């Protein structure tokens, strides 16, 4: 049983998700202690508990410690990962529901299912666009297209938008099995082709997304960027608003967003997303900070060496690297001075 310190480094949910993915893929049992120990509310929150149970279900794992607030978890896979049709609802993990991010559950089970022998279809319910998590739009427009270059075929379709605090969004994911992962090299991003965007509201007046879109287009055009943003009023169970921008370079993609909240104008929400994009653009890097740590796991499972340059070496990335190395799958070298990451898969 591999012992993992859940409080190590960044000490958040990434440690848990990476450990669960690799336990399911390798069949190795794991024991996590100190899960999210440094957080304001330590232990498993609703989205983490849903990820635990989702990972357990696809490989028939034995669980110990799968409860809200638990800081200890034992996870022992019972079988190889089983492709199939699954439904996971974050609301089931907590009385009264939850807006916990479905994307965190998605990222836990995606790679195990992609390596399974058959195709899978997964329905995920909960928060689709919430703070401190990748949004479903980011997954659709940045994460999955980059993974496709590595040999992973997966698609998501958003059925209903789920914002904080109600959640209750829905997304369908289709995953092709029997994937053969290739390495990826992203050292130069090439020229910026365009910025595409989506300004969205649910259960709010249609002038709000139009204001977000107009402000973002004006803001970015002042810096001579080519930009096109669509304003939409979409289906959702509660009021919510956000803008999501994708920077399309010759060789890479990067995504940024701003989420609405009370007493924050539509224009300010747009400016938040634009400023994030411009800060990244000025770094010259091909890989944004968040994608930097999300690429480590597929790269570790690939056949060839991967290397890429990130805008910033985050503690999420360095923590994730140490957890992956505990499973003996790859050697990961992080060059802090050059913001370079190299992943060399080990023979297995």
Protein backbone atom coordinates (compact mmCIF):
# COMPACT_ATOMS: atom_id res chain seq x y z
CA UNK A 1 0.00 0.00 0.00
CA UNK A 2 1.43 3.34 -1.06
CA UNK A 3 1.39 5.86 1.81
CA UNK A 4 0.65 9.42 0.70
CA UNK A 5 0.79 12.56 2.83
CA UNK A 6 -2.25 14.58 1.79
CA UNK A 7 -0.88 17.71 3.45
CA UNK A 8 2.33 17.68 1.39
CA UNK A 9 3.21 20.79 -0.64
CA UNK A 10 0.11 22.53 -1.93
CA UNK A 11 -1.83 20.11 0.26
CA UNK A 12 -5.17 20.39 -1.55
CA UNK A 13 -7.50 18.20 -3.55
CA UNK A 14 -4.98 17.70 -6.38
CA UNK A 15 -3.02 15.27 -4.21
CA UNK A 16 -6.18 13.23 -3.70
CA UNK A 17 -7.28 13.26 -7.35
CA UNK A 18 -3.90 12.28 -8.76
CA UNK A 19 -3.56 9.50 -6.19
CA UNK A 20 -7.02 8.13 -7.00
CA UNK A 21 -6.40 8.20 -10.76
CA UNK A 22 -3.10 6.38 -10.45
CA UNK A 23 -4.42 3.84 -7.94
CA UNK A 24 -7.22 2.96 -10.37
CA UNK A 25 -4.84 2.77 -13.35
CA UNK A 26 -2.06 0.79 -11.66
CA UNK A 27 -4.22 -1.32 -9.35
CA UNK A 28 -2.02 -0.31 -6.42
CA UNK A 29 -3.75 0.30 -3.06
CA UNK A 30 -3.19 3.69 -1.43
CA UNK A 31 -3.51 5.18 2.03
CA UNK A 32 -3.85 8.96 2.28
CA UNK A 33 -3.41 10.77 5.58
CA UNK A 34 -3.80 14.46 6.39
CA UNK A 35 -6.12 15.06 3.43
CA UNK A 36 -6.43 18.83 2.83
CA UNK A 37 -5.04 19.35 6.34
CA UNK A 38 -4.07 22.96 5.73
CA UNK A 39 -7.45 24.07 4.42
CA UNK A 40 -9.99 26.15 6.35
CA UNK A 41 -12.25 23.10 6.31
CA UNK A 42 -9.87 20.10 6.27
CA UNK A 43 -10.75 16.70 4.87
CA UNK A 44 -13.04 15.57 2.09
CA UNK A 45 -15.59 18.11 0.80
CA UNK A 46 -18.52 17.03 -1.37
CA UNK A 47 -16.64 17.17 -4.67
CA UNK A 48 -13.69 15.23 -3.23
CA UNK A 49 -15.93 12.56 -1.75
CA UNK A 50 -17.72 12.24 -5.10
CA UNK A 51 -14.35 11.83 -6.84
CA UNK A 52 -13.39 9.11 -4.33
CA UNK A 53 -16.62 7.20 -4.91
CA UNK A 54 -16.43 7.67 -8.69
CA UNK A 55 -12.88 6.31 -8.81
CA UNK A 56 -13.91 3.42 -6.56
CA UNK A 57 -16.89 2.55 -8.70
CA UNK A 58 -14.97 2.27 -11.96
CA UNK A 59 -12.48 -0.22 -10.45
CA UNK A 60 -14.66 -1.79 -7.72
CA UNK A 61 -12.37 -0.51 -4.99
CA UNK A 62 -12.66 -1.18 -1.29
CA UNK A 63 -12.92 2.08 0.66
CA UNK A 64 -12.20 3.06 4.21
CA UNK A 65 -12.65 6.66 5.36
CA UNK A 66 -15.02 7.79 2.59
CA UNK A 67 -17.00 10.37 4.55
CA UNK A 68 -17.38 14.15 4.53
CA UNK A 69 -14.58 15.76 6.50
CA UNK A 70 -12.46 12.62 6.60
CA UNK A 71 -8.71 13.28 6.57
CA UNK A 72 -7.80 9.60 6.13
CA UNK A 73 -8.64 7.36 3.19
CA UNK A 74 -7.76 3.83 2.17
CA UNK A 75 -8.47 2.89 -1.44
CA UNK A 76 -7.87 -0.67 -2.65
CA UNK A 77 -8.80 -1.41 -6.28
CA UNK A 78 -10.76 -4.63 -6.70
CA UNK A 79 -10.53 -4.99 -10.50
CA UNK A 80 -9.05 -3.34 -13.55
CA UNK A 81 -10.90 -0.17 -14.59
CA UNK A 82 -14.29 -1.05 -16.08
CA UNK A 83 -15.61 0.99 -19.01
CA UNK A 84 -19.35 1.64 -18.89
CA UNK A 85 -22.19 4.11 -18.39
CA UNK A 86 -21.97 6.03 -15.12
CA UNK A 87 -23.71 8.87 -13.31
CA UNK A 88 -22.10 10.84 -10.49
CA UNK A 89 -23.90 13.65 -8.66
CA UNK A 90 -21.97 15.86 -6.24
CA UNK A 91 -25.25 16.66 -4.47
CA UNK A 92 -25.49 13.04 -3.31
CA UNK A 93 -22.44 13.53 -1.10
CA UNK A 94 -23.94 16.28 1.05
CA UNK A 95 -27.35 16.85 2.59
CA UNK A 96 -28.95 19.90 1.02
CA UNK A 97 -26.93 19.62 -2.20
CA UNK A 98 -23.63 21.13 -3.28
CA UNK A 99 -22.08 23.26 -6.02
CA UNK A 100 -18.86 21.24 -5.80
CA UNK A 101 -17.06 21.22 -9.14
CA UNK A 102 -17.91 18.33 -11.46
CA UNK A 103 -14.70 19.01 -13.40
CA UNK A 104 -12.65 17.74 -10.46
CA UNK A 105 -14.55 14.45 -10.62
CA UNK A 106 -14.12 14.42 -14.40
CA UNK A 107 -10.36 14.83 -14.17
CA UNK A 108 -10.13 12.02 -11.61
CA UNK A 109 -11.75 9.37 -13.81
CA UNK A 110 -10.97 10.57 -17.35
CA UNK A 111 -7.54 8.99 -17.77
CA UNK A 112 -8.47 5.66 -16.14
CA UNK A 113 -11.48 5.38 -18.46
CA UNK A 114 -9.42 6.40 -21.51
CA UNK A 115 -7.04 3.51 -20.78
CA UNK A 116 -9.87 1.00 -20.25
CA UNK A 117 -10.66 -1.46 -23.04
CA UNK A 118 -14.02 -0.02 -24.15
CA UNK A 119 -15.81 3.32 -24.48
CA UNK A 120 -17.57 5.03 -21.58
CA UNK A 121 -20.32 7.58 -21.11
CA UNK A 122 -20.47 9.59 -17.90
CA UNK A 123 -23.12 12.00 -16.61
CA UNK A 124 -21.85 14.48 -14.02
CA UNK A 125 -24.09 16.76 -11.95
CA UNK A 126 -23.09 19.64 -9.68
CA UNK A 127 -21.15 22.87 -10.16
CA UNK A 128 -19.99 23.39 -13.74
CA UNK A 129 -18.56 26.92 -13.42
CA UNK A 130 -17.31 27.69 -9.90
CA UNK A 131 -14.28 29.47 -8.42
CA UNK A 132 -11.00 27.69 -7.64
CA UNK A 133 -11.74 24.94 -10.18
CA UNK A 134 -11.38 24.50 -13.92
CA UNK A 135 -14.70 25.28 -15.60
CA UNK A 136 -16.43 22.93 -18.01
CA UNK A 137 -15.75 25.56 -20.70
CA UNK A 138 -12.00 25.37 -19.95
CA UNK A 139 -12.17 21.57 -20.11
CA UNK A 140 -13.97 21.72 -23.46
CA UNK A 141 -11.88 24.40 -25.17
CA UNK A 142 -8.39 23.94 -23.69
CA UNK A 143 -7.82 20.75 -21.68
CA UNK A 144 -9.46 18.17 -23.95
CA UNK A 145 -8.09 19.61 -27.24
CA UNK A 146 -4.55 19.44 -25.81
CA UNK A 147 -5.13 15.88 -24.54
CA UNK A 148 -6.40 14.95 -28.01
CA UNK A 149 -2.90 15.68 -29.34
CA UNK A 150 -1.64 13.10 -26.84
CA UNK A 151 -4.05 10.41 -28.05
CA UNK A 152 -7.01 10.82 -25.68
CA UNK A 153 -10.40 11.08 -27.37
CA UNK A 154 -13.03 12.57 -25.09
CA UNK A 155 -15.90 15.00 -25.56
CA UNK A 156 -18.08 16.95 -23.14
CA UNK A 157 -21.50 18.43 -23.69
CA UNK A 158 -22.96 20.94 -21.25
CA UNK A 159 -26.63 20.26 -20.54
CA UNK A 160 -27.23 22.85 -17.80
CA UNK A 161 -25.03 25.52 -16.23
CA UNK A 162 -24.35 25.12 -12.53
CA UNK A 163 -23.06 28.12 -10.56
CA UNK A 164 -22.19 28.63 -6.90
CA UNK A 165 -23.98 28.16 -4.50
CA UNK A 166 -26.81 26.12 -6.06
CA UNK A 167 -24.86 23.94 -8.48
CA UNK A 168 -27.27 21.53 -10.18
CA UNK A 169 -25.55 21.80 -13.53
CA UNK A 170 -25.10 18.79 -15.80
CA UNK A 171 -22.46 17.66 -18.26
CA UNK A 172 -22.19 14.55 -20.42
CA UNK A 173 -18.75 13.11 -21.14
CA UNK A 174 -17.92 10.50 -23.75
CA UNK A 175 -14.55 8.75 -23.48
CA UNK A 176 -13.01 6.47 -26.09
CA UNK A 177 -11.19 3.53 -24.50
CA UNK A 178 -7.96 1.76 -25.44
CA UNK A 179 -6.07 5.04 -25.72
CA UNK A 180 -2.34 4.94 -26.51
CA UNK A 181 -0.80 8.08 -25.02
CA UNK A 182 1.94 10.00 -26.82
CA UNK A 183 4.24 12.61 -25.34
CA UNK A 184 3.80 16.31 -25.99
CA UNK A 185 6.27 19.10 -26.69
CA UNK A 186 5.15 22.68 -26.08
CA UNK A 187 8.23 24.85 -25.97
CA UNK A 188 7.14 27.54 -28.44
CA UNK A 189 3.54 28.71 -28.76
CA UNK A 190 3.83 30.57 -32.07
CA UNK A 191 1.79 33.62 -32.98
CA UNK A 192 -1.60 34.38 -31.46
CA UNK A 193 -4.26 33.48 -34.02
CA UNK A 194 -7.29 34.87 -32.18
CA UNK A 195 -9.09 35.14 -28.86
CA UNK A 196 -12.48 33.43 -28.77
CA UNK A 197 -14.90 34.08 -25.97
CA UNK A 198 -18.23 33.22 -24.45
CA UNK A 199 -20.17 35.65 -22.23
CA UNK A 200 -23.04 33.78 -20.56
CA UNK A 201 -25.89 34.29 -18.09
CA UNK A 202 -28.67 32.09 -16.81
CA UNK A 203 -31.85 33.44 -15.23
CA UNK A 204 -30.60 37.02 -15.70
CA UNK A 205 -31.38 39.75 -18.27
CA UNK A 206 -29.84 39.35 -21.73
CA UNK A 207 -28.14 42.78 -21.60
CA UNK A 208 -25.64 41.44 -19.04
CA UNK A 209 -23.76 39.01 -21.32
CA UNK A 210 -23.82 41.64 -24.05
CA UNK A 211 -22.14 44.13 -21.70
CA UNK A 212 -19.50 41.57 -20.71
CA UNK A 213 -18.81 40.75 -24.35
CA UNK A 214 -18.61 44.40 -25.43
CA UNK A 215 -16.27 45.36 -22.60
CA UNK A 216 -13.96 42.40 -23.27
CA UNK A 217 -13.81 43.07 -27.00
CA UNK A 218 -13.04 46.76 -26.47
CA UNK A 219 -10.47 45.99 -23.76
CA UNK A 220 -8.57 43.46 -25.86
CA UNK A 221 -8.78 45.37 -29.14
CA UNK A 222 -7.01 48.27 -27.45
CA UNK A 223 -3.99 45.94 -27.29
CA UNK A 224 -4.43 45.04 -30.98
CA UNK A 225 -5.60 41.46 -30.35
CA UNK A 226 -8.01 39.78 -32.73
CA UNK A 227 -11.07 38.87 -30.66
CA UNK A 228 -14.59 37.50 -31.15
CA UNK A 229 -16.93 36.99 -28.20
CA UNK A 230 -20.39 35.47 -28.27
CA UNK A 231 -23.07 36.69 -25.83
CA UNK A 232 -25.60 34.05 -24.73
CA UNK A 233 -28.49 33.56 -22.34
CA UNK A 234 -28.43 29.85 -21.48
CA UNK A 235 -30.28 27.16 -19.54
CA UNK A 236 -29.67 26.96 -15.80
CA UNK A 237 -31.59 26.43 -12.57
CA UNK A 238 -30.40 29.62 -10.86
CA UNK A 239 -28.97 33.06 -11.68
CA UNK A 240 -25.35 33.11 -12.76
CA UNK A 241 -22.96 34.95 -15.05
CA UNK A 242 -19.48 34.53 -16.43
CA UNK A 243 -17.12 35.18 -19.31
CA UNK A 244 -14.65 32.63 -20.66
CA UNK A 245 -11.78 33.44 -23.04
CA UNK A 246 -9.62 31.05 -25.07
CA UNK A 247 -6.35 32.29 -26.55
CA UNK A 248 -5.57 30.28 -29.68
CA UNK A 249 -1.88 30.23 -30.61
CA UNK A 250 -0.22 28.42 -33.50
CA UNK A 251 0.94 25.60 -31.24
CA UNK A 252 -1.06 25.93 -28.03
CA UNK A 253 -4.22 26.99 -26.23
CA UNK A 254 -4.81 28.85 -22.97
CA UNK A 255 -8.01 29.68 -21.10
CA UNK A 256 -9.16 32.36 -18.67
CA UNK A 257 -12.42 33.39 -17.05
CA UNK A 258 -14.33 35.72 -14.78
CA UNK A 259 -17.37 34.74 -12.71
CA UNK A 260 -20.13 37.15 -11.71
CA UNK A 261 -21.17 37.80 -8.15
CA UNK A 262 -23.28 40.31 -6.23
CA UNK A 263 -22.15 43.95 -6.48
CA UNK A 264 -19.68 43.15 -9.26
CA UNK A 265 -20.55 44.84 -12.55
CA UNK A 266 -20.64 42.96 -15.84
CA UNK A 267 -17.82 45.17 -17.09
CA UNK A 268 -15.61 44.34 -14.09
CA UNK A 269 -16.17 40.59 -14.61
CA UNK A 270 -15.01 40.99 -18.22
CA UNK A 271 -11.94 42.99 -17.19
CA UNK A 272 -10.89 40.28 -14.70
CA UNK A 273 -10.78 37.68 -17.48
CA UNK A 274 -9.04 40.05 -19.90
CA UNK A 275 -6.34 40.96 -17.41
CA UNK A 276 -5.62 37.27 -16.75
CA UNK A 277 -5.28 36.67 -20.49
CA UNK A 278 -2.99 39.66 -21.07
CA UNK A 279 -0.74 38.73 -18.14
CA UNK A 280 -0.31 35.28 -19.63
CA UNK A 281 0.17 36.61 -23.16
CA UNK A 282 3.03 38.82 -22.03
CA UNK A 283 4.93 35.85 -20.52
CA UNK A 284 5.45 34.34 -23.98
CA UNK A 285 4.84 30.86 -22.54
CA UNK A 286 2.85 28.18 -24.43
CA UNK A 287 1.21 26.64 -21.33
CA UNK A 288 -0.86 28.47 -18.74
CA UNK A 289 -0.27 27.92 -15.03
CA UNK A 290 -3.24 25.59 -14.52
CA UNK A 291 -2.68 23.45 -17.60
CA UNK A 292 0.93 23.10 -16.47
CA UNK A 293 0.05 20.82 -13.57
CA UNK A 294 -2.87 19.13 -15.38
CA UNK A 295 -0.56 17.86 -18.15
CA UNK A 296 1.76 16.03 -15.76
CA UNK A 297 -0.41 12.93 -15.34
CA UNK A 298 -1.11 12.19 -19.03
CA UNK A 299 2.55 12.90 -19.80
CA UNK A 300 3.65 10.42 -17.12
CA UNK A 301 1.44 7.76 -18.73
CA UNK A 302 2.71 8.42 -22.27
CA UNK A 303 5.23 6.36 -24.23
CA UNK A 304 7.63 9.22 -25.00
CA UNK A 305 9.29 12.05 -23.12
CA UNK A 306 7.26 15.26 -22.83
CA UNK A 307 8.52 18.76 -22.23
CA UNK A 308 6.81 22.11 -22.03
CA UNK A 309 7.28 25.65 -20.81
CA UNK A 310 4.76 27.16 -18.41
CA UNK A 311 3.90 30.74 -17.52
CA UNK A 312 4.50 29.97 -13.85
CA UNK A 313 5.70 26.98 -11.84
CA UNK A 314 2.93 26.63 -9.27
CA UNK A 315 2.95 24.67 -6.03
CA UNK A 316 0.14 22.61 -7.60
CA UNK A 317 2.63 21.52 -10.27
CA UNK A 318 5.54 20.71 -7.96
CA UNK A 319 3.24 18.86 -5.55
CA UNK A 320 1.64 16.87 -8.35
CA UNK A 321 5.10 15.90 -9.64
CA UNK A 322 6.11 14.40 -6.29
CA UNK A 323 2.86 12.42 -5.98
CA UNK A 324 3.21 10.97 -9.51
CA UNK A 325 6.81 9.93 -8.83
CA UNK A 326 5.65 7.94 -5.79
CA UNK A 327 3.95 5.52 -8.19
CA UNK A 328 7.20 4.90 -10.10
CA UNK A 329 5.73 5.83 -13.49
CA UNK A 330 7.96 8.69 -14.54
CA UNK A 331 10.83 10.95 -13.60
CA UNK A 332 9.78 14.60 -13.56
CA UNK A 333 12.29 17.45 -13.79
CA UNK A 334 11.15 20.99 -13.02
CA UNK A 335 13.51 23.80 -14.02
CA UNK A 336 12.31 26.74 -11.91
CA UNK A 337 14.71 29.20 -13.55
CA UNK A 338 13.47 28.50 -17.09
CA UNK A 339 9.89 27.47 -16.19
CA UNK A 340 10.54 24.20 -18.02
CA UNK A 341 9.00 20.84 -17.20
CA UNK A 342 10.26 17.50 -18.51
CA UNK A 343 8.48 14.19 -17.93
CA UNK A 344 10.40 11.00 -18.75
CA UNK A 345 8.18 7.90 -18.45
CA UNK A 346 9.94 4.89 -16.89
CA UNK A 347 9.87 1.47 -18.54
CA UNK A 348 6.97 -0.63 -17.32
